[in-house]
Amino acid sequence: MTRIIAGQWGGRRLQVPAKGTRPTTDRVREALFSRLDHSGVLTGAKVLDLFAGSGALGFEALSRGASEVTLVESGAPAVRVLQTNVRELGVGGQARVVREKVAPFVARSAATTPGFTLVLIDPPYDLNPDEVDAFLEGLPALLAPQATVVLEGSTRARAPQWPAALEVLTSKDYGETRLFYAEHVQA
């Protein structure tokens, strides 16, 4: 079990998949959302949670004022957990669960789902860095101007190759976890 840290559902527990995911720790989520709250990007945000797992990042954003979240996850057990969490939180009108791999979702959705203002990306630490680079390349087509992108990764992995349309503002390490903060800039 993991819990929502703050906002309207602060303290509520979320189901987590029995295996196959690595939930973001409470410490990292608290630091991440403190920064996003301070930046003012959560209120009314249209959120995309890639590699959603239990949905902890997306549900935390909703709890803190985001207007909607799209949760993308390819693993069937994790998708079932996401659907359970959506039901238990009563956010069916605000949360959409998509069972699909991230790269095809990004490629397919560019023409149909633009305008995300916040993207939270938490891929498996063992995902090939070239795969991360590939879906980052297509991500700007899904974003609103000045959208915020947060990518979680391992401090042991090479830094991703960011496309020109995503300007990395900063990165911060928390033990073995590194968070990159980027902004969608006009080309």
N, C-alpha and C. Protein backbone atom coordinates (compact mmCIF):
# COMPACT_ATOMS: atom_id res chain seq x y z
N MET A 1 0.83 -1.19 0.00
CA MET A 1 0.00 0.00 0.00
C MET A 1 0.87 1.25 0.00
N THR A 2 0.40 2.25 -0.68
CA THR A 2 1.03 3.56 -0.65
C THR A 2 -0.10 4.54 -0.35
N ARG A 3 0.25 5.75 0.01
CA ARG A 3 -0.79 6.70 0.38
C ARG A 3 -0.62 8.01 -0.38
N ILE A 4 -1.72 8.73 -0.50
CA ILE A 4 -1.68 10.08 -1.04
C ILE A 4 -1.22 10.98 0.09
N ILE A 5 -0.27 11.84 -0.19
CA ILE A 5 0.37 12.63 0.86
C ILE A 5 -0.47 13.82 1.30
N ALA A 6 -1.00 14.59 0.35
CA ALA A 6 -1.69 15.83 0.73
C ALA A 6 -2.84 16.12 -0.23
N GLY A 7 -3.58 17.18 0.07
CA GLY A 7 -4.70 17.59 -0.76
C GLY A 7 -5.98 16.98 -0.25
N GLN A 8 -6.99 16.96 -1.11
CA GLN A 8 -8.31 16.53 -0.67
C GLN A 8 -8.37 15.06 -0.26
N TRP A 9 -7.47 14.24 -0.76
CA TRP A 9 -7.44 12.82 -0.38
C TRP A 9 -6.20 12.49 0.44
N GLY A 10 -5.56 13.48 1.05
CA GLY A 10 -4.37 13.25 1.86
C GLY A 10 -4.61 12.15 2.88
N GLY A 11 -3.70 11.19 2.93
CA GLY A 11 -3.80 10.07 3.85
C GLY A 11 -4.53 8.86 3.29
N ARG A 12 -5.26 9.02 2.18
CA ARG A 12 -5.97 7.87 1.58
C ARG A 12 -4.95 6.89 1.02
N ARG A 13 -5.22 5.63 1.24
CA ARG A 13 -4.34 4.58 0.73
C ARG A 13 -4.72 4.18 -0.68
N LEU A 14 -3.69 3.81 -1.45
CA LEU A 14 -3.88 3.32 -2.82
C LEU A 14 -3.43 1.88 -2.89
N GLN A 15 -4.13 1.10 -3.70
CA GLN A 15 -3.66 -0.25 -4.00
C GLN A 15 -2.41 -0.13 -4.86
N VAL A 16 -1.49 -1.09 -4.72
CA VAL A 16 -0.31 -1.13 -5.58
C VAL A 16 -0.19 -2.52 -6.18
N PRO A 17 0.35 -2.61 -7.40
CA PRO A 17 0.53 -3.94 -8.00
C PRO A 17 1.45 -4.80 -7.13
N ALA A 18 1.15 -6.09 -7.08
CA ALA A 18 1.93 -7.01 -6.25
C ALA A 18 3.38 -7.09 -6.70
N LYS A 19 3.62 -6.97 -8.00
CA LYS A 19 4.98 -6.99 -8.52
C LYS A 19 5.02 -6.30 -9.87
N GLY A 20 6.23 -6.00 -10.33
CA GLY A 20 6.38 -5.43 -11.66
C GLY A 20 6.44 -3.92 -11.70
N THR A 21 6.26 -3.26 -10.55
CA THR A 21 6.39 -1.80 -10.52
C THR A 21 7.28 -1.41 -9.35
N ARG A 22 7.79 -0.18 -9.40
CA ARG A 22 8.61 0.37 -8.33
C ARG A 22 7.99 1.72 -7.95
N PRO A 23 7.12 1.71 -6.93
CA PRO A 23 6.46 2.96 -6.58
C PRO A 23 7.47 4.04 -6.13
N THR A 24 7.18 5.29 -6.51
CA THR A 24 7.98 6.41 -6.06
C THR A 24 7.82 6.53 -4.55
N THR A 25 8.92 6.68 -3.84
CA THR A 25 8.85 6.74 -2.38
C THR A 25 8.10 7.99 -1.91
N ASP A 26 7.56 7.91 -0.70
CA ASP A 26 6.86 9.06 -0.12
C ASP A 26 7.77 10.28 -0.08
N ARG A 27 9.03 10.09 0.27
CA ARG A 27 9.97 11.21 0.38
C ARG A 27 10.14 11.92 -0.96
N VAL A 28 10.31 11.15 -2.02
CA VAL A 28 10.51 11.74 -3.35
C VAL A 28 9.21 12.39 -3.82
N ARG A 29 8.06 11.72 -3.61
CA ARG A 29 6.78 12.31 -4.03
C ARG A 29 6.52 13.62 -3.27
N GLU A 30 6.84 13.63 -1.98
CA GLU A 30 6.62 14.85 -1.20
C GLU A 30 7.48 16.00 -1.72
N ALA A 31 8.74 15.73 -2.03
CA ALA A 31 9.62 16.77 -2.57
C ALA A 31 9.14 17.23 -3.95
N LEU A 32 8.78 16.28 -4.79
CA LEU A 32 8.29 16.59 -6.14
C LEU A 32 7.06 17.49 -6.08
N PHE A 33 6.07 17.09 -5.30
CA PHE A 33 4.83 17.85 -5.27
C PHE A 33 4.94 19.15 -4.50
N SER A 34 5.86 19.22 -3.57
CA SER A 34 6.12 20.50 -2.91
C SER A 34 6.63 21.50 -3.94
N ARG A 35 7.55 21.05 -4.79
CA ARG A 35 8.09 21.93 -5.84
C ARG A 35 7.00 22.33 -6.84
N LEU A 36 6.18 21.35 -7.26
CA LEU A 36 5.12 21.66 -8.21
C LEU A 36 4.08 22.61 -7.60
N ASP A 37 3.73 22.39 -6.33
CA ASP A 37 2.81 23.31 -5.63
C ASP A 37 3.38 24.72 -5.62
N HIS A 38 4.65 24.81 -5.24
CA HIS A 38 5.32 26.12 -5.15
C HIS A 38 5.36 26.82 -6.51
N SER A 39 5.50 26.03 -7.59
CA SER A 39 5.55 26.59 -8.94
C SER A 39 4.17 26.97 -9.47
N GLY A 40 3.12 26.52 -8.80
CA GLY A 40 1.77 26.86 -9.22
C GLY A 40 1.28 26.11 -10.44
N VAL A 41 1.85 24.94 -10.73
CA VAL A 41 1.45 24.23 -11.95
C VAL A 41 0.35 23.20 -11.73
N LEU A 42 -0.03 22.94 -10.48
CA LEU A 42 -1.00 21.87 -10.22
C LEU A 42 -2.45 22.30 -10.38
N THR A 43 -2.80 23.50 -9.99
CA THR A 43 -4.19 23.94 -10.02
C THR A 43 -4.71 23.95 -11.46
N GLY A 44 -5.72 23.10 -11.68
CA GLY A 44 -6.34 23.00 -13.00
C GLY A 44 -5.52 22.27 -14.04
N ALA A 45 -4.43 21.65 -13.63
CA ALA A 45 -3.53 20.98 -14.59
C ALA A 45 -4.22 19.82 -15.31
N LYS A 46 -3.83 19.66 -16.57
CA LYS A 46 -4.20 18.51 -17.38
C LYS A 46 -2.97 17.60 -17.36
N VAL A 47 -3.04 16.50 -16.60
CA VAL A 47 -1.87 15.69 -16.27
C VAL A 47 -1.81 14.41 -17.10
N LEU A 48 -0.59 14.07 -17.51
CA LEU A 48 -0.30 12.80 -18.17
C LEU A 48 0.69 12.06 -17.29
N ASP A 49 0.29 10.88 -16.79
CA ASP A 49 1.14 10.05 -15.93
C ASP A 49 1.57 8.83 -16.76
N LEU A 50 2.84 8.83 -17.19
CA LEU A 50 3.37 7.75 -18.02
C LEU A 50 4.07 6.72 -17.16
N PHE A 51 3.89 5.43 -17.48
CA PHE A 51 4.36 4.32 -16.65
C PHE A 51 3.69 4.46 -15.28
N ALA A 52 2.37 4.56 -15.27
CA ALA A 52 1.61 4.96 -14.09
C ALA A 52 1.70 4.00 -12.91
N GLY A 53 1.86 2.71 -13.13
CA GLY A 53 1.92 1.79 -11.99
C GLY A 53 0.63 1.84 -11.20
N SER A 54 0.71 2.25 -9.94
CA SER A 54 -0.47 2.37 -9.08
C SER A 54 -1.23 3.67 -9.32
N GLY A 55 -0.58 4.61 -10.03
CA GLY A 55 -1.19 5.92 -10.25
C GLY A 55 -0.89 6.91 -9.15
N ALA A 56 0.03 6.57 -8.25
CA ALA A 56 0.31 7.44 -7.10
C ALA A 56 0.65 8.87 -7.51
N LEU A 57 1.43 9.05 -8.57
CA LEU A 57 1.79 10.40 -9.00
C LEU A 57 0.57 11.14 -9.56
N GLY A 58 -0.17 10.49 -10.44
CA GLY A 58 -1.35 11.12 -11.03
C GLY A 58 -2.43 11.43 -10.01
N PHE A 59 -2.68 10.50 -9.08
CA PHE A 59 -3.70 10.73 -8.06
C PHE A 59 -3.27 11.81 -7.07
N GLU A 60 -1.97 11.88 -6.80
CA GLU A 60 -1.46 12.97 -5.94
C GLU A 60 -1.72 14.31 -6.61
N ALA A 61 -1.50 14.39 -7.92
CA ALA A 61 -1.76 15.63 -8.65
C ALA A 61 -3.24 16.00 -8.59
N LEU A 62 -4.13 15.02 -8.79
CA LEU A 62 -5.57 15.28 -8.68
C LEU A 62 -5.94 15.75 -7.28
N SER A 63 -5.39 15.11 -6.28
CA SER A 63 -5.67 15.47 -4.90
C SER A 63 -5.29 16.90 -4.59
N ARG A 64 -4.25 17.39 -5.29
CA ARG A 64 -3.74 18.74 -5.03
C ARG A 64 -4.25 19.79 -6.02
N GLY A 65 -5.28 19.46 -6.79
CA GLY A 65 -5.91 20.49 -7.60
C GLY A 65 -5.86 20.34 -9.10
N ALA A 66 -5.23 19.30 -9.62
CA ALA A 66 -5.26 19.09 -11.07
C ALA A 66 -6.70 18.80 -11.50
N SER A 67 -7.04 19.14 -12.72
CA SER A 67 -8.42 18.94 -13.18
C SER A 67 -8.67 17.56 -13.76
N GLU A 68 -7.62 16.95 -14.36
CA GLU A 68 -7.78 15.63 -14.96
C GLU A 68 -6.43 14.95 -15.08
N VAL A 69 -6.48 13.61 -15.20
CA VAL A 69 -5.25 12.84 -15.38
C VAL A 69 -5.51 11.69 -16.33
N THR A 70 -4.54 11.46 -17.22
CA THR A 70 -4.52 10.29 -18.08
C THR A 70 -3.40 9.41 -17.58
N LEU A 71 -3.73 8.18 -17.19
CA LEU A 71 -2.79 7.23 -16.60
C LEU A 71 -2.46 6.17 -17.65
N VAL A 72 -1.22 6.12 -18.10
CA VAL A 72 -0.82 5.19 -19.16
C VAL A 72 0.05 4.09 -18.54
N GLU A 73 -0.38 2.86 -18.73
CA GLU A 73 0.32 1.70 -18.16
C GLU A 73 0.06 0.51 -19.07
N SER A 74 1.10 -0.31 -19.30
CA SER A 74 0.92 -1.45 -20.20
C SER A 74 0.68 -2.78 -19.48
N GLY A 75 1.09 -2.91 -18.24
CA GLY A 75 0.94 -4.17 -17.53
C GLY A 75 -0.49 -4.41 -17.06
N ALA A 76 -1.05 -5.57 -17.40
CA ALA A 76 -2.44 -5.88 -17.05
C ALA A 76 -2.69 -5.81 -15.53
N PRO A 77 -1.82 -6.39 -14.67
CA PRO A 77 -2.10 -6.29 -13.23
C PRO A 77 -2.11 -4.84 -12.74
N ALA A 78 -1.20 -4.02 -13.26
CA ALA A 78 -1.16 -2.62 -12.86
C ALA A 78 -2.39 -1.87 -13.36
N VAL A 79 -2.86 -2.19 -14.56
CA VAL A 79 -4.07 -1.54 -15.09
C VAL A 79 -5.26 -1.88 -14.21
N ARG A 80 -5.36 -3.13 -13.76
CA ARG A 80 -6.46 -3.50 -12.86
C ARG A 80 -6.38 -2.71 -11.55
N VAL A 81 -5.16 -2.53 -11.02
CA VAL A 81 -4.97 -1.74 -9.81
C VAL A 81 -5.37 -0.29 -10.05
N LEU A 82 -4.97 0.27 -11.19
CA LEU A 82 -5.36 1.65 -11.53
C LEU A 82 -6.87 1.79 -11.57
N GLN A 83 -7.55 0.85 -12.21
CA GLN A 83 -9.01 0.91 -12.30
C GLN A 83 -9.65 0.82 -10.91
N THR A 84 -9.09 -0.01 -10.04
CA THR A 84 -9.58 -0.11 -8.66
C THR A 84 -9.39 1.21 -7.93
N ASN A 85 -8.21 1.82 -8.08
CA ASN A 85 -7.94 3.10 -7.41
C ASN A 85 -8.85 4.21 -7.92
N VAL A 86 -9.11 4.24 -9.22
CA VAL A 86 -10.04 5.23 -9.79
C VAL A 86 -11.42 5.05 -9.15
N ARG A 87 -11.87 3.81 -9.07
CA ARG A 87 -13.19 3.51 -8.50
C ARG A 87 -13.24 3.90 -7.02
N GLU A 88 -12.23 3.49 -6.25
CA GLU A 88 -12.24 3.74 -4.81
C GLU A 88 -12.13 5.23 -4.47
N LEU A 89 -11.43 6.00 -5.31
CA LEU A 89 -11.35 7.44 -5.08
C LEU A 89 -12.56 8.18 -5.66
N GLY A 90 -13.33 7.51 -6.51
CA GLY A 90 -14.50 8.13 -7.11
C GLY A 90 -14.15 9.22 -8.11
N VAL A 91 -13.08 8.99 -8.90
CA VAL A 91 -12.60 10.01 -9.84
C VAL A 91 -12.77 9.59 -11.29
N GLY A 92 -13.77 8.76 -11.57
CA GLY A 92 -13.99 8.29 -12.93
C GLY A 92 -14.17 9.40 -13.94
N GLY A 93 -14.71 10.54 -13.53
CA GLY A 93 -14.89 11.66 -14.44
C GLY A 93 -13.63 12.47 -14.67
N GLN A 94 -12.62 12.27 -13.83
CA GLN A 94 -11.37 13.03 -13.94
C GLN A 94 -10.18 12.19 -14.36
N ALA A 95 -10.28 10.88 -14.24
CA ALA A 95 -9.14 10.00 -14.51
C ALA A 95 -9.47 9.02 -15.63
N ARG A 96 -8.54 8.91 -16.57
CA ARG A 96 -8.69 7.98 -17.69
C ARG A 96 -7.52 7.03 -17.66
N VAL A 97 -7.81 5.73 -17.65
CA VAL A 97 -6.77 4.69 -17.66
C VAL A 97 -6.61 4.19 -19.08
N VAL A 98 -5.36 4.20 -19.57
CA VAL A 98 -5.06 3.73 -20.93
C VAL A 98 -4.08 2.57 -20.81
N ARG A 99 -4.48 1.40 -21.31
CA ARG A 99 -3.57 0.25 -21.32
C ARG A 99 -2.83 0.25 -22.65
N GLU A 100 -1.59 0.71 -22.59
CA GLU A 100 -0.78 0.80 -23.80
C GLU A 100 0.67 1.06 -23.38
N LYS A 101 1.59 0.63 -24.20
CA LYS A 101 2.99 0.98 -23.97
C LYS A 101 3.17 2.47 -24.24
N VAL A 102 4.11 3.08 -23.54
CA VAL A 102 4.27 4.53 -23.60
C VAL A 102 4.65 5.02 -24.99
N ALA A 103 5.65 4.42 -25.63
CA ALA A 103 6.10 4.91 -26.94
C ALA A 103 4.97 4.93 -27.97
N PRO A 104 4.20 3.85 -28.13
CA PRO A 104 3.09 3.92 -29.08
C PRO A 104 2.02 4.93 -28.66
N PHE A 105 1.76 5.04 -27.36
CA PHE A 105 0.77 6.03 -26.89
C PHE A 105 1.20 7.43 -27.29
N VAL A 106 2.47 7.77 -27.05
CA VAL A 106 2.96 9.10 -27.39
C VAL A 106 2.85 9.33 -28.89
N ALA A 107 3.27 8.36 -29.69
CA ALA A 107 3.23 8.51 -31.14
C ALA A 107 1.79 8.64 -31.66
N ARG A 108 0.89 7.85 -31.13
CA ARG A 108 -0.50 7.84 -31.58
C ARG A 108 -1.26 9.07 -31.10
N SER A 109 -0.95 9.56 -29.93
CA SER A 109 -1.76 10.60 -29.30
C SER A 109 -1.39 12.02 -29.70
N ALA A 110 -0.31 12.21 -30.40
CA ALA A 110 0.14 13.57 -30.74
C ALA A 110 -0.95 14.36 -31.46
N ALA A 111 -1.68 13.71 -32.34
CA ALA A 111 -2.70 14.43 -33.11
C ALA A 111 -4.04 14.52 -32.38
N THR A 112 -4.27 13.63 -31.43
CA THR A 112 -5.60 13.55 -30.82
C THR A 112 -5.67 14.04 -29.38
N THR A 113 -4.55 14.10 -28.66
CA THR A 113 -4.59 14.43 -27.25
C THR A 113 -3.57 15.50 -26.89
N PRO A 114 -3.53 16.61 -27.58
CA PRO A 114 -2.55 17.64 -27.20
C PRO A 114 -3.04 18.44 -26.00
N GLY A 115 -2.15 19.21 -25.43
CA GLY A 115 -2.55 20.16 -24.40
C GLY A 115 -2.28 19.76 -22.98
N PHE A 116 -1.49 18.70 -22.75
CA PHE A 116 -1.15 18.36 -21.36
C PHE A 116 -0.28 19.48 -20.79
N THR A 117 -0.57 19.87 -19.56
CA THR A 117 0.20 20.94 -18.91
C THR A 117 1.22 20.40 -17.92
N LEU A 118 1.07 19.12 -17.53
CA LEU A 118 2.01 18.49 -16.60
C LEU A 118 2.16 17.03 -17.00
N VAL A 119 3.40 16.59 -17.20
CA VAL A 119 3.67 15.19 -17.51
C VAL A 119 4.60 14.63 -16.45
N LEU A 120 4.17 13.51 -15.86
CA LEU A 120 4.94 12.82 -14.83
C LEU A 120 5.38 11.48 -15.41
N ILE A 121 6.69 11.26 -15.47
CA ILE A 121 7.22 10.06 -16.13
C ILE A 121 8.08 9.29 -15.14
N ASP A 122 7.70 8.05 -14.89
CA ASP A 122 8.44 7.20 -13.94
C ASP A 122 8.68 5.83 -14.56
N PRO A 123 9.59 5.76 -15.56
CA PRO A 123 9.83 4.47 -16.23
C PRO A 123 10.60 3.52 -15.32
N PRO A 124 10.55 2.23 -15.63
CA PRO A 124 11.38 1.28 -14.90
C PRO A 124 12.85 1.70 -15.00
N TYR A 125 13.58 1.57 -13.92
CA TYR A 125 14.98 2.00 -13.93
C TYR A 125 15.81 1.21 -14.93
N ASP A 126 15.38 -0.02 -15.26
CA ASP A 126 16.16 -0.82 -16.19
C ASP A 126 15.72 -0.63 -17.65
N LEU A 127 14.83 0.32 -17.90
CA LEU A 127 14.43 0.59 -19.28
C LEU A 127 15.62 1.13 -20.06
N ASN A 128 15.79 0.65 -21.28
CA ASN A 128 16.88 1.08 -22.13
C ASN A 128 16.82 2.61 -22.30
N PRO A 129 17.90 3.32 -22.01
CA PRO A 129 17.90 4.79 -22.15
C PRO A 129 17.52 5.27 -23.55
N ASP A 130 17.83 4.47 -24.58
CA ASP A 130 17.45 4.86 -25.94
C ASP A 130 15.92 4.90 -26.10
N GLU A 131 15.21 4.01 -25.39
CA GLU A 131 13.75 4.02 -25.42
C GLU A 131 13.20 5.28 -24.77
N VAL A 132 13.84 5.70 -23.66
CA VAL A 132 13.43 6.94 -23.00
C VAL A 132 13.63 8.11 -23.96
N ASP A 133 14.80 8.16 -24.59
CA ASP A 133 15.08 9.23 -25.55
C ASP A 133 14.04 9.27 -26.66
N ALA A 134 13.63 8.10 -27.14
CA ALA A 134 12.69 8.02 -28.26
C ALA A 134 11.32 8.60 -27.89
N PHE A 135 10.78 8.23 -26.73
CA PHE A 135 9.46 8.77 -26.42
C PHE A 135 9.54 10.22 -25.98
N LEU A 136 10.69 10.66 -25.41
CA LEU A 136 10.85 12.08 -25.09
C LEU A 136 10.83 12.91 -26.37
N GLU A 137 11.37 12.39 -27.45
CA GLU A 137 11.41 13.11 -28.74
C GLU A 137 10.00 13.42 -29.24
N GLY A 138 9.07 12.50 -29.04
CA GLY A 138 7.71 12.72 -29.51
C GLY A 138 6.82 13.45 -28.53
N LEU A 139 7.25 13.57 -27.29
CA LEU A 139 6.41 14.15 -26.24
C LEU A 139 5.98 15.60 -26.48
N PRO A 140 6.82 16.49 -27.01
CA PRO A 140 6.38 17.88 -27.16
C PRO A 140 5.08 18.06 -27.95
N ALA A 141 4.78 17.16 -28.87
CA ALA A 141 3.54 17.27 -29.65
C ALA A 141 2.29 17.12 -28.79
N LEU A 142 2.42 16.57 -27.59
CA LEU A 142 1.29 16.37 -26.70
C LEU A 142 1.13 17.51 -25.69
N LEU A 143 2.05 18.47 -25.70
CA LEU A 143 2.13 19.44 -24.62
C LEU A 143 1.57 20.81 -24.97
N ALA A 144 1.04 21.45 -23.94
CA ALA A 144 0.66 22.86 -24.03
C ALA A 144 1.94 23.68 -23.91
N PRO A 145 1.92 24.94 -24.38
CA PRO A 145 3.09 25.80 -24.18
C PRO A 145 3.41 25.93 -22.69
N GLN A 146 4.67 25.94 -22.36
CA GLN A 146 5.19 26.05 -20.99
C GLN A 146 4.78 24.88 -20.09
N ALA A 147 4.38 23.77 -20.66
CA ALA A 147 4.05 22.59 -19.86
C ALA A 147 5.28 22.15 -19.07
N THR A 148 5.04 21.57 -17.92
CA THR A 148 6.10 21.04 -17.06
C THR A 148 6.20 19.54 -17.27
N VAL A 149 7.43 19.04 -17.40
CA VAL A 149 7.69 17.61 -17.54
C VAL A 149 8.65 17.21 -16.41
N VAL A 150 8.28 16.16 -15.68
CA VAL A 150 9.13 15.64 -14.62
C VAL A 150 9.44 14.19 -14.96
N LEU A 151 10.72 13.87 -15.03
CA LEU A 151 11.18 12.51 -15.34
C LEU A 151 11.95 11.98 -14.15
N GLU A 152 11.53 10.80 -13.66
CA GLU A 152 12.24 10.13 -12.57
C GLU A 152 13.13 9.05 -13.16
N GLY A 153 14.34 8.94 -12.62
CA GLY A 153 15.26 7.91 -13.08
C GLY A 153 16.25 7.56 -12.00
N SER A 154 17.13 6.67 -12.33
CA SER A 154 18.18 6.24 -11.42
C SER A 154 19.39 7.16 -11.55
N THR A 155 20.04 7.44 -10.44
CA THR A 155 21.26 8.24 -10.48
C THR A 155 22.38 7.49 -11.19
N ARG A 156 22.24 6.18 -11.36
CA ARG A 156 23.26 5.37 -12.03
C ARG A 156 23.12 5.37 -13.55
N ALA A 157 21.97 5.79 -14.04
CA ALA A 157 21.72 5.76 -15.49
C ALA A 157 22.25 7.03 -16.14
N ARG A 158 22.54 6.94 -17.42
CA ARG A 158 22.96 8.13 -18.15
C ARG A 158 21.78 9.09 -18.25
N ALA A 159 22.07 10.35 -18.33
CA ALA A 159 21.02 11.36 -18.48
C ALA A 159 20.35 11.19 -19.83
N PRO A 160 19.06 11.43 -19.89
CA PRO A 160 18.37 11.30 -21.19
C PRO A 160 18.81 12.37 -22.18
N GLN A 161 18.59 12.09 -23.45
CA GLN A 161 18.82 13.05 -24.52
C GLN A 161 17.51 13.82 -24.71
N TRP A 162 17.46 15.03 -24.23
CA TRP A 162 16.23 15.82 -24.27
C TRP A 162 16.09 16.49 -25.64
N PRO A 163 14.89 16.50 -26.22
CA PRO A 163 14.69 17.23 -27.47
C PRO A 163 14.78 18.73 -27.23
N ALA A 164 15.05 19.49 -28.27
CA ALA A 164 15.22 20.94 -28.15
C ALA A 164 13.98 21.62 -27.58
N ALA A 165 12.80 21.06 -27.81
CA ALA A 165 11.57 21.68 -27.34
C ALA A 165 11.33 21.48 -25.84
N LEU A 166 12.18 20.68 -25.18
CA LEU A 166 12.07 20.48 -23.74
C LEU A 166 13.36 20.98 -23.09
N GLU A 167 13.26 22.09 -22.38
CA GLU A 167 14.42 22.68 -21.72
C GLU A 167 14.50 22.17 -20.28
N VAL A 168 15.61 21.50 -19.95
CA VAL A 168 15.80 21.02 -18.59
C VAL A 168 16.12 22.21 -17.70
N LEU A 169 15.31 22.39 -16.68
CA LEU A 169 15.50 23.50 -15.75
C LEU A 169 16.44 23.13 -14.62
N THR A 170 16.29 21.91 -14.11
CA THR A 170 17.12 21.45 -13.01
C THR A 170 16.95 19.95 -12.83
N SER A 171 17.81 19.38 -12.01
CA SER A 171 17.63 18.00 -11.58
C SER A 171 18.00 17.94 -10.10
N LYS A 172 17.45 16.96 -9.42
CA LYS A 172 17.68 16.83 -7.98
C LYS A 172 17.76 15.35 -7.64
N ASP A 173 18.75 14.98 -6.83
CA ASP A 173 18.93 13.59 -6.41
C ASP A 173 18.36 13.36 -5.02
N TYR A 174 17.73 12.20 -4.86
CA TYR A 174 17.22 11.73 -3.57
C TYR A 174 17.68 10.29 -3.43
N GLY A 175 18.83 10.08 -2.80
CA GLY A 175 19.38 8.73 -2.73
C GLY A 175 19.71 8.25 -4.13
N GLU A 176 19.12 7.12 -4.55
CA GLU A 176 19.37 6.58 -5.88
C GLU A 176 18.39 7.09 -6.94
N THR A 177 17.53 8.02 -6.56
CA THR A 177 16.53 8.56 -7.48
C THR A 177 16.93 9.96 -7.92
N ARG A 178 16.82 10.21 -9.22
CA ARG A 178 17.07 11.55 -9.77
C ARG A 178 15.78 12.03 -10.44
N LEU A 179 15.38 13.25 -10.11
CA LEU A 179 14.25 13.89 -10.77
C LEU A 179 14.77 14.98 -11.69
N PHE A 180 14.33 14.95 -12.94
CA PHE A 180 14.62 16.01 -13.91
C PHE A 180 13.35 16.84 -14.08
N TYR A 181 13.49 18.14 -14.04
CA TYR A 181 12.38 19.06 -14.28
C TYR A 181 12.66 19.79 -15.59
N ALA A 182 11.71 19.74 -16.50
CA ALA A 182 11.88 20.38 -17.80
C ALA A 182 10.62 21.18 -18.14
N GLU A 183 10.77 22.10 -19.09
CA GLU A 183 9.64 22.91 -19.53
C GLU A 183 9.57 22.88 -21.05
N HIS A 184 8.34 22.84 -21.55
CA HIS A 184 8.12 22.87 -23.00
C HIS A 184 8.33 24.30 -23.47
N VAL A 185 9.29 24.51 -24.35
CA VAL A 185 9.60 25.85 -24.86
C VAL A 185 9.18 25.92 -26.32
N GLN A 186 8.85 27.12 -26.75
CA GLN A 186 8.47 27.31 -28.15
C GLN A 186 9.71 27.21 -29.04
N ALA A 187 9.57 26.50 -30.13
CA ALA A 187 10.70 26.33 -31.05
C ALA A 187 10.89 27.55 -31.92
